[in-house]
């Protein structure tokens, strides 16, 4: 069975006003705005709350036909019914995640600015490759910077490419033109004053890019 595609607007969650209710309300808003991928990102150790939130987001993503991933935590991803997990350099090994979640799971990896790391992880079975930070990021201000040309080089690896880091609707176009299949955002959409409208701006951008390619 073919895996769900990784493409379009990819929204990461973040702490926001209103606790769990506020979080889920924003998830609903970005899904209504056209987000195709939601990644639950919560670095706290509040395991019961995190499981409740992740399971609730999984339900909403299924209803919207969107892909749901969990950041870092393979066990939480499996327990919450997520479609997969995203792994960074210091997280669980890709092989462990695959053994825990199965072949159907979507496992993405952070490649930062390294084409060499991306090639090794693609060969090891990663389902998508994330590069960045392409712009200054309020979430990770010290993150290593990547250049759009890296996306063009990475096309040969044959995996969907995700761009991340300080991306807004105003600066996203060069990344799509360079080969990004998905744009991962936090502040510019999930924490926007109007998350649904902010998400819709990115959907318009992707639609325009597809028309230009025809």
N, C-alpha and C. Protein backbone atom coordinates (compact mmCIF):
# COMPACT_ATOMS: atom_id res chain seq x y z
N UNK A 1 0.84 -1.19 0.00
CA UNK A 1 0.00 0.00 0.00
C UNK A 1 0.88 1.25 0.00
N UNK A 2 0.53 2.21 -0.84
CA UNK A 2 1.33 3.42 -0.96
C UNK A 2 1.18 4.30 0.27
N UNK A 3 2.27 4.91 0.69
CA UNK A 3 2.24 5.76 1.88
C UNK A 3 1.62 7.12 1.54
N UNK A 4 1.03 7.78 2.55
CA UNK A 4 0.49 9.13 2.32
C UNK A 4 1.60 10.07 1.85
N UNK A 5 1.27 10.99 0.96
CA UNK A 5 2.29 11.89 0.44
C UNK A 5 2.71 12.96 1.46
N UNK A 6 3.95 13.37 1.36
CA UNK A 6 4.46 14.49 2.17
C UNK A 6 4.61 15.65 1.21
N UNK A 7 3.66 16.57 1.27
CA UNK A 7 3.67 17.69 0.33
C UNK A 7 2.80 18.81 0.87
N UNK A 8 3.01 19.99 0.34
CA UNK A 8 2.19 21.13 0.72
C UNK A 8 2.61 21.75 2.05
N UNK A 9 1.65 22.35 2.71
CA UNK A 9 1.92 23.03 3.98
C UNK A 9 2.03 22.02 5.11
N UNK A 10 3.15 22.11 5.84
CA UNK A 10 3.49 21.19 6.92
C UNK A 10 3.61 22.04 8.18
N UNK A 11 2.65 21.90 9.09
CA UNK A 11 2.58 22.78 10.27
C UNK A 11 3.01 22.04 11.53
N UNK A 12 3.94 22.63 12.25
CA UNK A 12 4.35 22.11 13.55
C UNK A 12 3.59 22.86 14.64
N UNK A 13 3.16 22.12 15.66
CA UNK A 13 2.48 22.77 16.77
C UNK A 13 3.48 23.42 17.72
N UNK A 14 2.95 24.29 18.56
CA UNK A 14 3.77 24.98 19.57
C UNK A 14 2.87 25.34 20.74
N UNK A 15 3.44 25.55 21.93
CA UNK A 15 2.62 25.99 23.06
C UNK A 15 1.87 27.28 22.70
N UNK A 16 0.60 27.33 23.07
CA UNK A 16 -0.21 28.49 22.72
C UNK A 16 -1.23 28.76 23.82
N UNK A 17 -1.84 29.93 23.85
CA UNK A 17 -2.83 30.24 24.88
C UNK A 17 -4.01 29.27 24.83
N UNK A 18 -4.57 28.98 26.00
CA UNK A 18 -5.76 28.15 26.03
C UNK A 18 -5.52 26.69 26.32
N UNK A 19 -4.27 26.32 26.62
CA UNK A 19 -3.99 24.92 26.95
C UNK A 19 -4.35 23.97 25.82
N UNK A 20 -4.82 22.79 26.19
CA UNK A 20 -5.14 21.77 25.18
C UNK A 20 -6.25 22.23 24.25
N UNK A 21 -7.25 22.93 24.79
CA UNK A 21 -8.35 23.41 23.95
C UNK A 21 -7.84 24.40 22.91
N UNK A 22 -6.96 25.29 23.34
CA UNK A 22 -6.39 26.26 22.41
C UNK A 22 -5.56 25.59 21.34
N UNK A 23 -4.80 24.59 21.75
CA UNK A 23 -3.97 23.83 20.81
C UNK A 23 -4.84 23.16 19.75
N UNK A 24 -5.86 22.45 20.18
CA UNK A 24 -6.71 21.73 19.24
C UNK A 24 -7.50 22.68 18.35
N UNK A 25 -7.90 23.81 18.88
CA UNK A 25 -8.60 24.80 18.07
C UNK A 25 -7.70 25.30 16.94
N UNK A 26 -6.44 25.55 17.25
CA UNK A 26 -5.52 26.00 16.22
C UNK A 26 -5.24 24.90 15.20
N UNK A 27 -5.15 23.65 15.65
CA UNK A 27 -4.99 22.55 14.71
C UNK A 27 -6.17 22.51 13.74
N UNK A 28 -7.38 22.65 14.25
CA UNK A 28 -8.56 22.65 13.40
C UNK A 28 -8.51 23.80 12.40
N UNK A 29 -8.03 24.95 12.85
CA UNK A 29 -7.97 26.12 11.97
C UNK A 29 -6.96 25.93 10.84
N UNK A 30 -5.79 25.40 11.15
CA UNK A 30 -4.79 25.24 10.08
C UNK A 30 -5.19 24.13 9.12
N UNK A 31 -5.88 23.12 9.62
CA UNK A 31 -6.40 22.08 8.72
C UNK A 31 -7.46 22.67 7.80
N UNK A 32 -8.32 23.51 8.35
CA UNK A 32 -9.34 24.16 7.53
C UNK A 32 -8.69 25.07 6.49
N UNK A 33 -7.53 25.62 6.82
CA UNK A 33 -6.82 26.50 5.88
C UNK A 33 -6.06 25.76 4.81
N UNK A 34 -5.95 24.43 4.94
CA UNK A 34 -5.31 23.65 3.88
C UNK A 34 -4.04 22.94 4.25
N UNK A 35 -3.66 22.91 5.53
CA UNK A 35 -2.45 22.19 5.92
C UNK A 35 -2.57 20.72 5.55
N UNK A 36 -1.50 20.15 4.99
CA UNK A 36 -1.50 18.75 4.56
C UNK A 36 -0.80 17.83 5.56
N UNK A 37 0.08 18.42 6.39
CA UNK A 37 0.83 17.64 7.39
C UNK A 37 0.81 18.42 8.70
N UNK A 38 0.54 17.72 9.81
CA UNK A 38 0.64 18.31 11.14
C UNK A 38 1.66 17.50 11.93
N UNK A 39 2.60 18.21 12.55
CA UNK A 39 3.56 17.55 13.43
C UNK A 39 3.34 18.05 14.86
N UNK A 40 3.08 17.12 15.77
CA UNK A 40 2.91 17.48 17.17
C UNK A 40 4.28 17.60 17.80
N UNK A 41 4.59 18.79 18.29
CA UNK A 41 5.91 19.06 18.86
C UNK A 41 5.73 19.58 20.28
N UNK A 42 6.04 18.75 21.27
CA UNK A 42 5.91 19.12 22.67
C UNK A 42 7.06 18.48 23.43
N UNK A 43 7.95 19.30 23.96
CA UNK A 43 9.17 18.82 24.59
C UNK A 43 9.03 18.58 26.10
N UNK A 44 7.82 18.74 26.65
CA UNK A 44 7.64 18.55 28.08
C UNK A 44 7.61 17.05 28.43
N UNK A 45 7.58 16.77 29.73
CA UNK A 45 7.51 15.38 30.17
C UNK A 45 6.13 15.02 30.72
N UNK A 46 5.12 15.80 30.34
CA UNK A 46 3.74 15.55 30.81
C UNK A 46 3.10 14.49 29.91
N UNK A 47 3.42 13.24 30.20
CA UNK A 47 3.09 12.15 29.28
C UNK A 47 1.59 11.95 29.06
N UNK A 48 0.79 12.06 30.11
CA UNK A 48 -0.65 11.84 29.96
C UNK A 48 -1.28 12.91 29.08
N UNK A 49 -0.94 14.16 29.34
CA UNK A 49 -1.48 15.25 28.52
C UNK A 49 -1.01 15.13 27.09
N UNK A 50 0.24 14.83 26.91
CA UNK A 50 0.77 14.72 25.56
C UNK A 50 0.07 13.62 24.77
N UNK A 51 -0.21 12.49 25.43
CA UNK A 51 -0.91 11.41 24.74
C UNK A 51 -2.34 11.82 24.37
N UNK A 52 -3.02 12.50 25.29
CA UNK A 52 -4.38 12.96 25.00
C UNK A 52 -4.38 13.92 23.81
N UNK A 53 -3.45 14.85 23.83
CA UNK A 53 -3.39 15.84 22.74
C UNK A 53 -3.04 15.18 21.42
N UNK A 54 -2.05 14.31 21.43
CA UNK A 54 -1.62 13.66 20.20
C UNK A 54 -2.73 12.79 19.61
N UNK A 55 -3.44 12.06 20.46
CA UNK A 55 -4.54 11.23 19.97
C UNK A 55 -5.66 12.08 19.40
N UNK A 56 -5.93 13.21 20.03
CA UNK A 56 -6.98 14.11 19.53
C UNK A 56 -6.58 14.72 18.19
N UNK A 57 -5.32 15.07 18.04
CA UNK A 57 -4.86 15.63 16.77
C UNK A 57 -4.91 14.55 15.69
N UNK A 58 -4.55 13.33 16.05
CA UNK A 58 -4.61 12.22 15.08
C UNK A 58 -6.02 12.07 14.52
N UNK A 59 -7.03 12.17 15.38
CA UNK A 59 -8.41 12.06 14.94
C UNK A 59 -8.76 13.18 13.96
N UNK A 60 -8.36 14.38 14.28
CA UNK A 60 -8.68 15.52 13.44
C UNK A 60 -7.97 15.44 12.09
N UNK A 61 -6.74 14.96 12.10
CA UNK A 61 -6.01 14.82 10.84
C UNK A 61 -6.65 13.74 9.96
N UNK A 62 -7.06 12.64 10.55
CA UNK A 62 -7.72 11.59 9.78
C UNK A 62 -8.99 12.13 9.12
N UNK A 63 -9.77 12.91 9.89
CA UNK A 63 -11.00 13.45 9.36
C UNK A 63 -10.75 14.42 8.20
N UNK A 64 -9.62 15.12 8.27
CA UNK A 64 -9.28 16.11 7.24
C UNK A 64 -8.47 15.52 6.09
N UNK A 65 -8.07 14.26 6.21
CA UNK A 65 -7.24 13.65 5.17
C UNK A 65 -5.81 14.15 5.18
N UNK A 66 -5.36 14.61 6.35
CA UNK A 66 -3.99 15.12 6.49
C UNK A 66 -3.11 14.08 7.18
N UNK A 67 -1.83 14.21 6.98
CA UNK A 67 -0.84 13.33 7.59
C UNK A 67 -0.52 13.84 8.99
N UNK A 68 -0.45 12.93 9.97
CA UNK A 68 -0.11 13.33 11.34
C UNK A 68 1.16 12.65 11.80
N UNK A 69 2.13 13.47 12.22
CA UNK A 69 3.43 13.00 12.70
C UNK A 69 3.69 13.51 14.10
N UNK A 70 4.51 12.80 14.84
CA UNK A 70 4.95 13.24 16.17
C UNK A 70 6.44 13.53 16.12
N UNK A 71 6.82 14.60 16.75
CA UNK A 71 8.23 14.99 16.80
C UNK A 71 8.98 14.16 17.84
N UNK A 72 10.03 13.51 17.42
CA UNK A 72 11.00 12.84 18.30
C UNK A 72 10.55 11.55 18.98
N UNK A 73 9.32 11.48 19.45
CA UNK A 73 8.90 10.44 20.38
C UNK A 73 8.21 9.27 19.65
N UNK A 74 8.97 8.22 19.41
CA UNK A 74 8.46 7.06 18.67
C UNK A 74 7.34 6.38 19.44
N UNK A 75 7.50 6.21 20.74
CA UNK A 75 6.49 5.54 21.54
C UNK A 75 5.18 6.33 21.55
N UNK A 76 5.27 7.65 21.66
CA UNK A 76 4.06 8.48 21.63
C UNK A 76 3.39 8.40 20.26
N UNK A 77 4.19 8.40 19.23
CA UNK A 77 3.63 8.30 17.88
C UNK A 77 2.84 7.01 17.72
N UNK A 78 3.40 5.90 18.18
CA UNK A 78 2.72 4.61 18.06
C UNK A 78 1.47 4.56 18.92
N UNK A 79 1.54 5.07 20.14
CA UNK A 79 0.42 4.99 21.07
C UNK A 79 -0.74 5.89 20.66
N UNK A 80 -0.45 7.00 20.00
CA UNK A 80 -1.49 7.97 19.66
C UNK A 80 -2.16 7.70 18.33
N UNK A 81 -1.65 6.72 17.59
CA UNK A 81 -2.22 6.45 16.28
C UNK A 81 -1.71 7.36 15.19
N UNK A 82 -0.53 7.94 15.39
CA UNK A 82 0.06 8.82 14.38
C UNK A 82 0.45 8.04 13.14
N UNK A 83 0.54 8.76 12.02
CA UNK A 83 0.98 8.15 10.77
C UNK A 83 2.48 7.92 10.75
N UNK A 84 3.20 8.61 11.63
CA UNK A 84 4.64 8.45 11.64
C UNK A 84 5.31 9.38 12.62
N UNK A 85 6.61 9.55 12.45
CA UNK A 85 7.41 10.30 13.41
C UNK A 85 8.49 11.06 12.66
N UNK A 86 8.89 12.18 13.24
CA UNK A 86 10.01 12.94 12.68
C UNK A 86 11.19 12.86 13.64
N UNK A 87 12.36 12.55 13.11
CA UNK A 87 13.54 12.33 13.94
C UNK A 87 14.64 13.35 13.62
N UNK A 88 15.23 13.89 14.68
CA UNK A 88 16.38 14.76 14.54
C UNK A 88 17.67 14.01 14.80
N UNK A 89 18.76 14.73 14.81
CA UNK A 89 20.08 14.12 14.98
C UNK A 89 20.23 13.38 16.30
N UNK A 90 19.61 13.90 17.36
CA UNK A 90 19.78 13.33 18.69
C UNK A 90 18.62 12.44 19.13
N UNK A 91 17.74 12.10 18.21
CA UNK A 91 16.57 11.30 18.55
C UNK A 91 16.83 9.82 18.29
N UNK A 92 15.78 9.01 18.40
CA UNK A 92 15.91 7.57 18.18
C UNK A 92 16.44 7.27 16.77
N UNK A 93 17.11 6.14 16.66
CA UNK A 93 17.63 5.73 15.35
C UNK A 93 16.48 5.40 14.41
N UNK A 94 16.70 5.66 13.14
CA UNK A 94 15.68 5.37 12.15
C UNK A 94 15.27 3.90 12.18
N UNK A 95 16.23 3.03 12.35
CA UNK A 95 15.95 1.59 12.38
C UNK A 95 15.03 1.23 13.55
N UNK A 96 15.25 1.84 14.71
CA UNK A 96 14.41 1.58 15.88
C UNK A 96 12.99 2.07 15.63
N UNK A 97 12.87 3.25 15.03
CA UNK A 97 11.55 3.80 14.74
C UNK A 97 10.80 2.90 13.77
N UNK A 98 11.49 2.39 12.77
CA UNK A 98 10.86 1.52 11.78
C UNK A 98 10.41 0.20 12.44
N UNK A 99 11.25 -0.33 13.31
CA UNK A 99 10.90 -1.59 13.99
C UNK A 99 9.68 -1.39 14.89
N UNK A 100 9.57 -0.22 15.51
CA UNK A 100 8.47 0.05 16.43
C UNK A 100 7.17 0.34 15.69
N UNK A 101 7.26 1.09 14.57
CA UNK A 101 6.05 1.59 13.92
C UNK A 101 5.66 0.83 12.66
N UNK A 102 6.59 0.06 12.11
CA UNK A 102 6.25 -0.74 10.95
C UNK A 102 6.54 -0.06 9.62
N UNK A 103 6.42 -0.83 8.57
CA UNK A 103 6.77 -0.34 7.23
C UNK A 103 5.81 0.72 6.72
N UNK A 104 4.58 0.69 7.21
CA UNK A 104 3.57 1.65 6.74
C UNK A 104 3.84 3.05 7.28
N UNK A 105 4.55 3.16 8.38
CA UNK A 105 4.78 4.46 9.02
C UNK A 105 5.61 5.38 8.13
N UNK A 106 5.31 6.67 8.23
CA UNK A 106 6.10 7.70 7.55
C UNK A 106 7.15 8.20 8.54
N UNK A 107 8.41 8.01 8.19
CA UNK A 107 9.51 8.44 9.06
C UNK A 107 10.33 9.48 8.34
N UNK A 108 10.30 10.69 8.90
CA UNK A 108 11.07 11.79 8.32
C UNK A 108 12.28 12.10 9.17
N UNK A 109 13.28 12.72 8.56
CA UNK A 109 14.53 12.99 9.26
C UNK A 109 15.03 14.40 8.98
N UNK A 110 15.64 14.99 9.98
CA UNK A 110 16.28 16.30 9.81
C UNK A 110 17.67 16.10 9.22
N UNK A 111 17.94 16.82 8.15
CA UNK A 111 19.25 16.71 7.49
C UNK A 111 20.04 18.02 7.58
N UNK A 112 19.44 19.05 8.15
CA UNK A 112 20.11 20.32 8.39
C UNK A 112 20.64 20.90 7.07
N UNK A 113 21.96 21.02 6.92
CA UNK A 113 22.51 21.51 5.65
C UNK A 113 23.39 20.44 5.00
N UNK A 114 23.16 19.17 5.36
CA UNK A 114 24.07 18.10 4.94
C UNK A 114 23.45 17.17 3.90
N UNK A 115 23.95 17.28 2.67
CA UNK A 115 23.52 16.36 1.62
C UNK A 115 24.04 14.95 1.90
N UNK A 116 25.20 14.86 2.52
CA UNK A 116 25.77 13.55 2.87
C UNK A 116 24.88 12.82 3.88
N UNK A 117 24.43 13.53 4.90
CA UNK A 117 23.53 12.92 5.88
C UNK A 117 22.23 12.50 5.21
N UNK A 118 21.72 13.35 4.33
CA UNK A 118 20.48 13.04 3.64
C UNK A 118 20.61 11.77 2.80
N UNK A 119 21.72 11.64 2.10
CA UNK A 119 21.93 10.46 1.25
C UNK A 119 21.99 9.19 2.09
N UNK A 120 22.67 9.25 3.23
CA UNK A 120 22.78 8.08 4.10
C UNK A 120 21.42 7.69 4.67
N UNK A 121 20.63 8.67 5.07
CA UNK A 121 19.34 8.37 5.67
C UNK A 121 18.32 7.92 4.62
N UNK A 122 18.42 8.47 3.42
CA UNK A 122 17.56 8.00 2.34
C UNK A 122 17.85 6.53 2.05
N UNK A 123 19.13 6.18 2.03
CA UNK A 123 19.52 4.78 1.79
C UNK A 123 19.05 3.87 2.92
N UNK A 124 18.95 4.43 4.13
CA UNK A 124 18.53 3.64 5.29
C UNK A 124 17.01 3.51 5.39
N UNK A 125 16.28 4.21 4.51
CA UNK A 125 14.84 4.04 4.48
C UNK A 125 14.01 5.21 4.94
N UNK A 126 14.60 6.40 5.08
CA UNK A 126 13.81 7.57 5.46
C UNK A 126 12.79 7.87 4.37
N UNK A 127 11.60 8.31 4.79
CA UNK A 127 10.54 8.57 3.82
C UNK A 127 10.54 10.00 3.31
N UNK A 128 11.09 10.92 4.08
CA UNK A 128 11.28 12.28 3.56
C UNK A 128 12.49 12.89 4.24
N UNK A 129 13.04 13.92 3.61
CA UNK A 129 14.25 14.57 4.08
C UNK A 129 13.97 16.04 4.32
N UNK A 130 14.25 16.50 5.54
CA UNK A 130 14.01 17.90 5.89
C UNK A 130 15.32 18.66 5.97
N UNK A 131 15.37 19.80 5.32
CA UNK A 131 16.56 20.65 5.31
C UNK A 131 16.23 22.02 5.90
N UNK A 132 17.22 22.67 6.49
CA UNK A 132 17.05 24.00 7.02
C UNK A 132 17.97 24.19 8.23
N UNK A 133 18.02 25.38 8.70
CA UNK A 133 17.09 26.47 8.56
C UNK A 133 17.46 27.35 7.35
N UNK A 134 16.44 27.64 6.52
CA UNK A 134 16.70 28.45 5.34
C UNK A 134 16.70 29.94 5.65
N UNK A 135 15.95 30.33 6.65
CA UNK A 135 15.91 31.72 7.08
C UNK A 135 16.07 31.76 8.60
N UNK A 136 16.26 32.95 9.13
CA UNK A 136 16.38 33.08 10.58
C UNK A 136 15.09 32.62 11.24
N UNK A 137 15.23 31.72 12.21
CA UNK A 137 14.06 31.11 12.83
C UNK A 137 13.89 31.58 14.27
N UNK A 138 12.70 32.08 14.63
CA UNK A 138 12.48 32.46 16.03
C UNK A 138 12.44 31.26 16.96
N UNK A 139 12.16 30.07 16.43
CA UNK A 139 12.11 28.86 17.24
C UNK A 139 13.50 28.34 17.55
N UNK A 140 14.38 28.38 16.53
CA UNK A 140 15.76 27.91 16.71
C UNK A 140 16.71 28.95 16.12
N UNK A 141 16.94 30.05 16.83
CA UNK A 141 17.76 31.15 16.27
C UNK A 141 19.20 30.77 15.98
N UNK A 142 19.72 29.73 16.65
CA UNK A 142 21.10 29.34 16.44
C UNK A 142 21.25 28.20 15.42
N UNK A 143 20.16 27.83 14.77
CA UNK A 143 20.19 26.70 13.84
C UNK A 143 21.13 26.98 12.67
N UNK A 144 21.78 25.92 12.18
CA UNK A 144 22.64 26.04 11.01
C UNK A 144 21.80 26.46 9.82
N UNK A 145 22.39 27.28 8.93
CA UNK A 145 21.65 27.79 7.78
C UNK A 145 21.93 26.94 6.55
N UNK A 146 20.89 26.73 5.77
CA UNK A 146 20.99 26.00 4.50
C UNK A 146 20.62 26.94 3.36
N UNK A 147 21.08 26.60 2.16
CA UNK A 147 20.82 27.41 0.98
C UNK A 147 19.82 26.71 0.07
N UNK A 148 18.96 27.45 -0.63
CA UNK A 148 17.97 26.84 -1.52
C UNK A 148 18.57 25.88 -2.55
N UNK A 149 19.80 26.14 -2.99
CA UNK A 149 20.44 25.26 -3.97
C UNK A 149 20.57 23.83 -3.46
N UNK A 150 20.61 23.68 -2.15
CA UNK A 150 20.71 22.34 -1.56
C UNK A 150 19.49 21.49 -1.92
N UNK A 151 18.34 22.11 -2.00
CA UNK A 151 17.13 21.38 -2.37
C UNK A 151 17.23 20.84 -3.80
N UNK A 152 17.75 21.65 -4.69
CA UNK A 152 17.90 21.20 -6.07
C UNK A 152 18.86 20.01 -6.15
N UNK A 153 19.94 20.07 -5.37
CA UNK A 153 20.89 18.95 -5.35
C UNK A 153 20.27 17.69 -4.78
N UNK A 154 19.43 17.85 -3.78
CA UNK A 154 18.83 16.71 -3.09
C UNK A 154 17.74 16.00 -3.89
N UNK A 155 17.28 16.60 -4.98
CA UNK A 155 16.23 15.96 -5.78
C UNK A 155 16.66 14.57 -6.25
N UNK A 156 17.95 14.40 -6.47
CA UNK A 156 18.45 13.13 -7.00
C UNK A 156 18.31 11.98 -6.00
N UNK A 157 18.04 12.29 -4.74
CA UNK A 157 17.92 11.26 -3.73
C UNK A 157 16.57 10.55 -3.78
N UNK A 158 15.64 11.10 -4.53
CA UNK A 158 14.38 10.41 -4.75
C UNK A 158 13.44 10.36 -3.57
N UNK A 159 13.53 11.32 -2.67
CA UNK A 159 12.63 11.39 -1.52
C UNK A 159 11.96 12.76 -1.50
N UNK A 160 10.74 12.86 -0.95
CA UNK A 160 10.14 14.18 -0.77
C UNK A 160 11.04 15.05 0.09
N UNK A 161 11.10 16.33 -0.25
CA UNK A 161 11.97 17.26 0.45
C UNK A 161 11.14 18.29 1.20
N UNK A 162 11.50 18.50 2.46
CA UNK A 162 10.81 19.46 3.31
C UNK A 162 11.78 20.58 3.67
N UNK A 163 11.35 21.81 3.47
CA UNK A 163 12.15 22.97 3.86
C UNK A 163 11.59 23.54 5.15
N UNK A 164 12.49 23.97 6.05
CA UNK A 164 12.07 24.49 7.34
C UNK A 164 12.99 25.63 7.77
N UNK A 165 12.46 26.47 8.65
CA UNK A 165 13.30 27.51 9.25
C UNK A 165 12.94 28.91 8.81
N UNK A 166 12.15 29.62 9.62
CA UNK A 166 11.84 31.02 9.36
C UNK A 166 11.03 31.27 8.11
N UNK A 167 10.29 30.28 7.66
CA UNK A 167 9.56 30.40 6.40
C UNK A 167 8.23 31.12 6.60
N UNK A 168 7.96 32.07 5.73
CA UNK A 168 6.69 32.80 5.71
C UNK A 168 6.13 32.74 4.30
N UNK A 169 4.89 33.16 4.14
CA UNK A 169 4.30 33.19 2.80
C UNK A 169 5.08 34.15 1.90
N UNK A 170 5.71 35.15 2.49
CA UNK A 170 6.43 36.15 1.71
C UNK A 170 7.79 35.66 1.19
N UNK A 171 8.43 34.71 1.90
CA UNK A 171 9.77 34.27 1.47
C UNK A 171 9.81 32.82 1.00
N UNK A 172 8.65 32.18 0.89
CA UNK A 172 8.61 30.75 0.61
C UNK A 172 8.83 30.38 -0.85
N UNK A 173 8.45 31.25 -1.77
CA UNK A 173 8.45 30.90 -3.20
C UNK A 173 9.80 30.36 -3.70
N UNK A 174 10.94 30.97 -3.34
CA UNK A 174 12.21 30.43 -3.84
C UNK A 174 12.48 28.99 -3.41
N UNK A 175 11.94 28.59 -2.27
CA UNK A 175 12.15 27.22 -1.78
C UNK A 175 11.32 26.23 -2.59
N UNK A 176 10.11 26.60 -2.92
CA UNK A 176 9.27 25.75 -3.78
C UNK A 176 9.90 25.64 -5.16
N UNK A 177 10.38 26.77 -5.67
CA UNK A 177 11.02 26.77 -6.99
C UNK A 177 12.30 25.93 -7.00
N UNK A 178 12.99 25.86 -5.86
CA UNK A 178 14.23 25.09 -5.77
C UNK A 178 13.97 23.60 -5.62
N UNK A 179 12.73 23.22 -5.30
CA UNK A 179 12.42 21.80 -5.24
C UNK A 179 11.76 21.29 -3.97
N UNK A 180 11.40 22.19 -3.04
CA UNK A 180 10.74 21.74 -1.82
C UNK A 180 9.35 21.19 -2.14
N UNK A 181 9.07 19.99 -1.67
CA UNK A 181 7.74 19.42 -1.81
C UNK A 181 6.80 19.92 -0.72
N UNK A 182 7.38 20.24 0.44
CA UNK A 182 6.59 20.72 1.57
C UNK A 182 7.35 21.83 2.28
N UNK A 183 6.60 22.72 2.89
CA UNK A 183 7.19 23.82 3.67
C UNK A 183 6.74 23.66 5.11
N UNK A 184 7.69 23.50 6.02
CA UNK A 184 7.39 23.31 7.44
C UNK A 184 7.47 24.64 8.16
N UNK A 185 6.41 24.97 8.88
CA UNK A 185 6.32 26.27 9.54
C UNK A 185 5.77 26.10 10.96
N UNK A 186 6.10 27.05 11.80
CA UNK A 186 5.52 27.10 13.15
C UNK A 186 4.91 28.49 13.35
N UNK A 187 5.78 29.47 13.59
CA UNK A 187 5.33 30.81 13.98
C UNK A 187 4.42 31.47 12.95
N UNK A 188 4.76 31.35 11.68
CA UNK A 188 4.04 32.09 10.65
C UNK A 188 2.64 31.55 10.39
N UNK A 189 2.33 30.37 10.90
CA UNK A 189 0.98 29.81 10.72
C UNK A 189 0.36 29.43 12.06
N UNK A 190 0.97 28.52 12.79
CA UNK A 190 0.33 28.01 14.00
C UNK A 190 0.16 29.10 15.05
N UNK A 191 1.09 30.03 15.12
CA UNK A 191 1.01 31.09 16.12
C UNK A 191 0.52 32.41 15.53
N UNK A 192 0.02 32.36 14.31
CA UNK A 192 -0.50 33.57 13.67
C UNK A 192 -1.79 34.02 14.33
N UNK A 193 -2.12 35.28 14.16
CA UNK A 193 -3.37 35.80 14.73
C UNK A 193 -4.58 35.08 14.14
N UNK A 194 -4.49 34.75 12.85
CA UNK A 194 -5.55 34.00 12.17
C UNK A 194 -4.91 32.79 11.49
N UNK A 195 -4.77 31.66 12.20
CA UNK A 195 -4.07 30.50 11.64
C UNK A 195 -4.69 29.97 10.35
N UNK A 196 -6.01 30.02 10.23
CA UNK A 196 -6.64 29.50 9.02
C UNK A 196 -6.27 30.35 7.81
N UNK A 197 -6.32 31.65 7.96
CA UNK A 197 -5.96 32.54 6.86
C UNK A 197 -4.48 32.41 6.50
N UNK A 198 -3.64 32.28 7.52
CA UNK A 198 -2.20 32.13 7.28
C UNK A 198 -1.92 30.84 6.52
N UNK A 199 -2.61 29.75 6.90
CA UNK A 199 -2.43 28.48 6.18
C UNK A 199 -2.90 28.61 4.74
N UNK A 200 -3.99 29.30 4.53
CA UNK A 200 -4.53 29.45 3.18
C UNK A 200 -3.55 30.18 2.27
N UNK A 201 -2.81 31.13 2.81
CA UNK A 201 -1.81 31.85 2.00
C UNK A 201 -0.80 30.88 1.39
N UNK A 202 -0.39 29.89 2.17
CA UNK A 202 0.57 28.90 1.66
C UNK A 202 -0.07 28.00 0.63
N UNK A 203 -1.34 27.65 0.80
CA UNK A 203 -2.03 26.82 -0.19
C UNK A 203 -2.11 27.54 -1.52
N UNK A 204 -2.36 28.83 -1.48
CA UNK A 204 -2.39 29.63 -2.70
C UNK A 204 -1.02 29.62 -3.37
N UNK A 205 0.04 29.72 -2.55
CA UNK A 205 1.40 29.69 -3.09
C UNK A 205 1.69 28.37 -3.79
N UNK A 206 1.33 27.25 -3.17
CA UNK A 206 1.57 25.95 -3.79
C UNK A 206 0.75 25.79 -5.07
N UNK A 207 -0.48 26.26 -5.05
CA UNK A 207 -1.32 26.16 -6.24
C UNK A 207 -0.71 26.95 -7.40
N UNK A 208 -0.18 28.14 -7.08
CA UNK A 208 0.46 28.97 -8.12
C UNK A 208 1.70 28.28 -8.67
N UNK A 209 2.48 27.65 -7.79
CA UNK A 209 3.70 26.97 -8.22
C UNK A 209 3.37 25.81 -9.14
N UNK A 210 2.29 25.09 -8.86
CA UNK A 210 1.89 23.96 -9.70
C UNK A 210 1.45 24.43 -11.07
N UNK A 211 0.73 25.56 -11.11
CA UNK A 211 0.30 26.10 -12.39
C UNK A 211 1.49 26.53 -13.24
N UNK A 212 2.51 27.09 -12.59
CA UNK A 212 3.69 27.54 -13.32
C UNK A 212 4.47 26.38 -13.91
N UNK A 213 4.35 25.18 -13.27
CA UNK A 213 5.07 24.01 -13.76
C UNK A 213 4.38 23.33 -14.94
N UNK A 214 3.10 23.68 -15.17
CA UNK A 214 2.34 23.03 -16.23
C UNK A 214 2.64 23.68 -17.59
